[in-house]
Amino acid sequence: MGSEGPAAVTIHVTGFKKFHGVSENPTETVVSNLKEYTEKKGLPKGVILGSCSVLETAGQGALPQLYQTLRSALTGKESSCSGRIIWLHFGVNSGASRFAVERQAANEATFRCPDEMGWKPQKVPIIPADGGISRVRETSLPVEEITKALAKKGFEVMTSDDAGRFVCNYVYYHSLRFAEQNAIKSLFVHFPLFLTIDEETQMKFAASLLEVLASLCQ
């Protein structure tokens, strides 16, 4: 057993479609092109790129699709050597000048504008069974180490403790809870617009992030 080396990490990725005020969501492009990009450049050692899904930018109305996507990662988990699975979620922050690795999500949905299905909650607990809107869930991944490793590779990146209260935070909260229940890991990263950081750099960042996650999870 000891000579086999560490098991590969399977990373499943999601992005979002367009939404109010953002007609072109960079994460839709990045996630849609990630498989082809990594096939050309070669996947980092120790990484299996699982599903690449683009989610509707909606909260409550898109929950069935979200959970169907999350559960898809568990297929065959029991038969893999250690079920090393990461859910990696990408979302856009149109006002950002750099990438942001999100440490946590809050149990609060307060949407500044309606989502793509017309829902506009205010101070609503995302999961009432978890308690009030002040409850937060943190990723079990080492956010500071991830950020430092990416900065060393030359990317403009920071850690963040505030994923907002819109759909990004909503999805991240559900994913963190799902990850805890199923002994897997979850991480959310905010991307700037392509006007701020060009598409090629964002693709490089996404591929580098896969590499960093694999190296830290060995």
Protein backbone atom coordinates (compact mmCIF):
# COMPACT_ATOMS: atom_id res chain seq x y z
CA MET A 1 0.00 0.00 0.00
CA GLY A 2 2.70 2.50 1.02
CA SER A 3 4.45 2.36 -2.35
CA GLU A 4 1.39 3.47 -4.30
CA GLY A 5 1.81 7.14 -3.37
CA PRO A 6 -0.99 9.58 -2.57
CA ALA A 7 -4.35 9.12 -4.25
CA ALA A 8 -5.44 11.63 -6.87
CA VAL A 9 -7.84 14.39 -5.92
CA THR A 10 -11.02 14.61 -7.98
CA ILE A 11 -12.08 18.24 -8.43
CA HIS A 12 -15.54 19.13 -9.70
CA VAL A 13 -16.04 22.72 -10.86
CA THR A 14 -19.06 24.99 -11.23
CA GLY A 15 -19.53 28.48 -12.65
CA PHE A 16 -22.59 30.67 -13.19
CA LYS A 17 -24.56 31.97 -16.15
CA LYS A 18 -25.36 35.64 -16.69
CA PHE A 19 -27.39 37.64 -14.18
CA HIS A 20 -28.68 41.15 -13.50
CA GLY A 21 -26.00 43.65 -14.50
CA VAL A 22 -23.53 41.00 -15.76
CA SER A 23 -24.39 39.98 -19.32
CA GLU A 24 -21.17 37.98 -19.75
CA ASN A 25 -20.19 35.98 -16.69
CA PRO A 26 -16.49 35.08 -16.95
CA THR A 27 -16.99 31.97 -14.84
CA GLU A 28 -19.35 30.51 -17.46
CA THR A 29 -16.58 30.86 -20.05
CA VAL A 30 -13.80 29.60 -17.75
CA VAL A 31 -15.73 26.53 -16.60
CA SER A 32 -17.03 25.72 -20.11
CA ASN A 33 -13.48 25.78 -21.52
CA LEU A 34 -11.58 24.25 -18.58
CA LYS A 35 -11.60 20.62 -19.75
CA GLU A 36 -10.29 21.52 -23.21
CA TYR A 37 -7.75 23.95 -21.72
CA THR A 38 -6.33 21.39 -19.28
CA GLU A 39 -6.28 18.70 -21.98
CA LYS A 40 -4.09 20.97 -24.12
CA LYS A 41 -1.83 22.12 -21.29
CA GLY A 42 -1.87 18.85 -19.36
CA LEU A 43 -3.57 18.33 -16.03
CA PRO A 44 -1.45 18.90 -12.93
CA LYS A 45 -0.12 15.73 -11.29
CA GLY A 46 -2.53 14.24 -8.80
CA VAL A 47 -5.64 15.92 -10.25
CA ILE A 48 -8.65 14.30 -11.86
CA LEU A 49 -10.92 16.97 -13.35
CA GLY A 50 -14.46 15.74 -12.73
CA SER A 51 -17.59 17.51 -13.92
CA CYS A 52 -17.58 21.12 -15.13
CA SER A 53 -21.09 22.54 -14.67
CA VAL A 54 -22.57 25.98 -15.27
CA LEU A 55 -25.35 26.82 -12.81
CA GLU A 56 -28.34 29.09 -13.21
CA THR A 57 -27.74 32.29 -11.22
CA ALA A 58 -30.64 31.60 -8.88
CA GLY A 59 -31.18 30.57 -5.28
CA GLN A 60 -34.23 28.69 -4.10
CA GLY A 61 -35.61 28.02 -7.59
CA ALA A 62 -32.37 26.36 -8.73
CA LEU A 63 -31.84 24.18 -5.62
CA PRO A 64 -32.92 20.89 -7.25
CA GLN A 65 -30.34 21.45 -10.03
CA LEU A 66 -27.67 22.39 -7.46
CA TYR A 67 -28.21 19.26 -5.35
CA GLN A 68 -28.35 17.04 -8.41
CA THR A 69 -24.97 18.52 -9.40
CA LEU A 70 -23.47 18.11 -5.91
CA ARG A 71 -24.68 14.50 -5.57
CA SER A 72 -23.19 13.58 -8.95
CA ALA A 73 -19.72 13.81 -7.36
CA LEU A 74 -20.51 11.00 -4.94
CA THR A 75 -21.02 8.35 -7.62
CA GLY A 76 -18.46 5.66 -7.02
CA LYS A 77 -16.94 7.56 -4.07
CA GLU A 78 -17.19 4.48 -1.85
CA SER A 79 -15.05 2.45 -4.24
CA SER A 80 -12.30 5.06 -4.58
CA CYS A 81 -9.41 4.65 -2.18
CA SER A 82 -10.25 7.57 0.04
CA GLY A 83 -13.04 9.59 -1.52
CA ARG A 84 -10.79 12.61 -2.06
CA ILE A 85 -13.30 14.96 -3.65
CA ILE A 86 -13.37 18.77 -3.81
CA TRP A 87 -16.23 20.93 -5.02
CA LEU A 88 -14.73 24.10 -6.50
CA HIS A 89 -17.21 26.89 -7.18
CA PHE A 90 -16.43 29.98 -9.28
CA GLY A 91 -18.48 33.18 -9.20
CA VAL A 92 -17.98 36.73 -10.44
CA ASN A 93 -17.53 39.90 -8.41
CA SER A 94 -17.95 42.63 -11.03
CA GLY A 95 -16.36 45.28 -8.80
CA ALA A 96 -13.25 43.25 -7.93
CA SER A 97 -9.73 43.94 -9.17
CA ARG A 98 -8.35 40.53 -8.12
CA PHE A 99 -9.35 36.93 -7.42
CA ALA A 100 -10.74 36.20 -3.95
CA VAL A 101 -10.56 32.82 -2.18
CA GLU A 102 -13.59 32.67 0.13
CA ARG A 103 -13.07 31.27 3.61
CA GLN A 104 -16.74 31.05 4.61
CA ALA A 105 -20.41 31.47 3.75
CA ALA A 106 -23.17 32.98 5.89
CA ASN A 107 -26.60 31.45 6.47
CA GLU A 108 -28.21 34.59 5.06
CA ALA A 109 -29.92 35.31 1.75
CA THR A 110 -30.33 39.06 1.19
CA PHE A 111 -30.40 39.64 -2.55
CA ARG A 112 -29.80 43.23 -3.69
CA CYS A 113 -31.61 42.42 -6.93
CA PRO A 114 -33.86 39.51 -7.96
CA ASP A 115 -32.07 36.35 -9.08
CA GLU A 116 -32.66 34.92 -12.57
CA MET A 117 -35.86 33.25 -11.36
CA GLY A 118 -37.22 36.44 -9.81
CA TRP A 119 -36.51 35.64 -6.14
CA LYS A 120 -35.38 38.54 -3.93
CA PRO A 121 -35.14 37.38 -0.29
CA GLN A 122 -34.26 39.77 2.54
CA LYS A 123 -32.55 38.50 5.71
CA VAL A 124 -33.79 34.94 5.16
CA PRO A 125 -31.87 31.97 6.64
CA ILE A 126 -30.58 29.82 3.77
CA ILE A 127 -31.08 26.67 5.85
CA PRO A 128 -33.50 27.40 8.73
CA ALA A 129 -32.49 24.16 10.49
CA ASP A 130 -29.00 25.65 10.90
CA GLY A 131 -30.34 28.51 13.01
CA GLY A 132 -30.31 32.24 12.33
CA ILE A 133 -28.66 34.40 9.69
CA SER A 134 -25.57 34.99 11.85
CA ARG A 135 -24.47 31.33 11.46
CA VAL A 136 -21.44 30.82 9.22
CA ARG A 137 -19.81 27.72 7.77
CA GLU A 138 -16.09 27.62 6.97
CA THR A 139 -14.25 25.60 4.37
CA SER A 140 -11.94 22.89 5.73
CA LEU A 141 -9.35 23.78 3.06
CA PRO A 142 -6.34 25.96 4.01
CA VAL A 143 -7.40 29.26 2.45
CA GLU A 144 -4.28 31.24 3.47
CA GLU A 145 -1.94 28.60 2.02
CA ILE A 146 -3.95 28.42 -1.21
CA THR A 147 -3.83 32.21 -1.60
CA LYS A 148 -0.09 32.43 -0.86
CA ALA A 149 0.70 29.65 -3.36
CA LEU A 150 -1.31 31.42 -6.09
CA ALA A 151 0.27 34.80 -5.30
CA LYS A 152 3.70 33.16 -5.65
CA LYS A 153 2.67 32.13 -9.16
CA GLY A 154 2.12 35.81 -9.97
CA PHE A 155 -1.68 36.12 -9.65
CA GLU A 156 -3.51 39.05 -8.07
CA VAL A 157 -5.34 37.15 -5.34
CA MET A 158 -6.56 37.68 -1.78
CA THR A 159 -8.40 35.78 0.93
CA SER A 160 -11.91 36.93 1.79
CA ASP A 161 -14.27 36.41 4.72
CA ASP A 162 -17.30 37.84 2.93
CA ALA A 163 -18.80 36.01 -0.04
CA GLY A 164 -21.64 38.58 -0.17
CA ARG A 165 -25.25 37.62 0.43
CA PHE A 166 -26.30 36.91 -3.17
CA VAL A 167 -26.38 33.63 -5.11
CA CYS A 168 -22.61 32.96 -4.73
CA ASN A 169 -22.91 32.88 -0.94
CA TYR A 170 -26.18 30.93 -1.21
CA VAL A 171 -24.58 28.16 -3.29
CA TYR A 172 -21.41 28.11 -1.17
CA TYR A 173 -23.39 27.70 2.05
CA HIS A 174 -25.33 24.74 0.66
CA SER A 175 -22.12 23.23 -0.72
CA LEU A 176 -20.22 23.58 2.58
CA ARG A 177 -23.06 21.87 4.43
CA PHE A 178 -23.22 19.12 1.79
CA ALA A 179 -19.43 18.67 1.98
CA GLU A 180 -19.50 18.30 5.75
CA GLN A 181 -22.30 15.73 5.57
CA ASN A 182 -20.47 13.67 2.93
CA ALA A 183 -16.85 13.96 4.15
CA ILE A 184 -15.69 15.88 1.09
CA LYS A 185 -14.39 19.46 0.67
CA SER A 186 -15.77 22.66 -0.82
CA LEU A 187 -14.24 25.99 -1.87
CA PHE A 188 -15.56 29.14 -3.52
CA VAL A 189 -13.47 31.61 -5.51
CA HIS A 190 -14.63 34.98 -6.84
CA PHE A 191 -13.34 36.08 -10.25
CA PRO A 192 -13.19 39.65 -11.64
CA LEU A 193 -14.65 40.58 -15.03
CA PHE A 194 -12.63 39.91 -18.19
CA LEU A 195 -12.33 43.71 -18.57
CA THR A 196 -10.26 43.68 -15.37
CA ILE A 197 -8.28 40.44 -15.80
CA ASP A 198 -8.22 38.97 -19.30
CA GLU A 199 -9.61 35.56 -20.23
CA GLU A 200 -6.25 33.85 -20.79
CA THR A 201 -5.01 34.90 -17.33
CA GLN A 202 -8.26 33.67 -15.77
CA MET A 203 -7.87 30.30 -17.50
CA LYS A 204 -4.27 30.07 -16.23
CA PHE A 205 -5.47 30.96 -12.74
CA ALA A 206 -8.13 28.21 -12.78
CA ALA A 207 -5.57 25.60 -13.92
CA SER A 208 -3.05 26.79 -11.31
CA LEU A 209 -5.71 26.56 -8.62
CA LEU A 210 -6.29 22.88 -9.49
CA GLU A 211 -2.55 22.31 -9.14
CA VAL A 212 -2.36 24.12 -5.77
CA LEU A 213 -5.35 22.20 -4.39
CA ALA A 214 -3.80 18.87 -5.42
CA SER A 215 -0.46 19.74 -3.84
CA LEU A 216 -2.04 20.85 -0.55
CA CYS A 217 -4.30 17.81 -0.34
CA GLN A 218 -1.54 15.23 -0.66
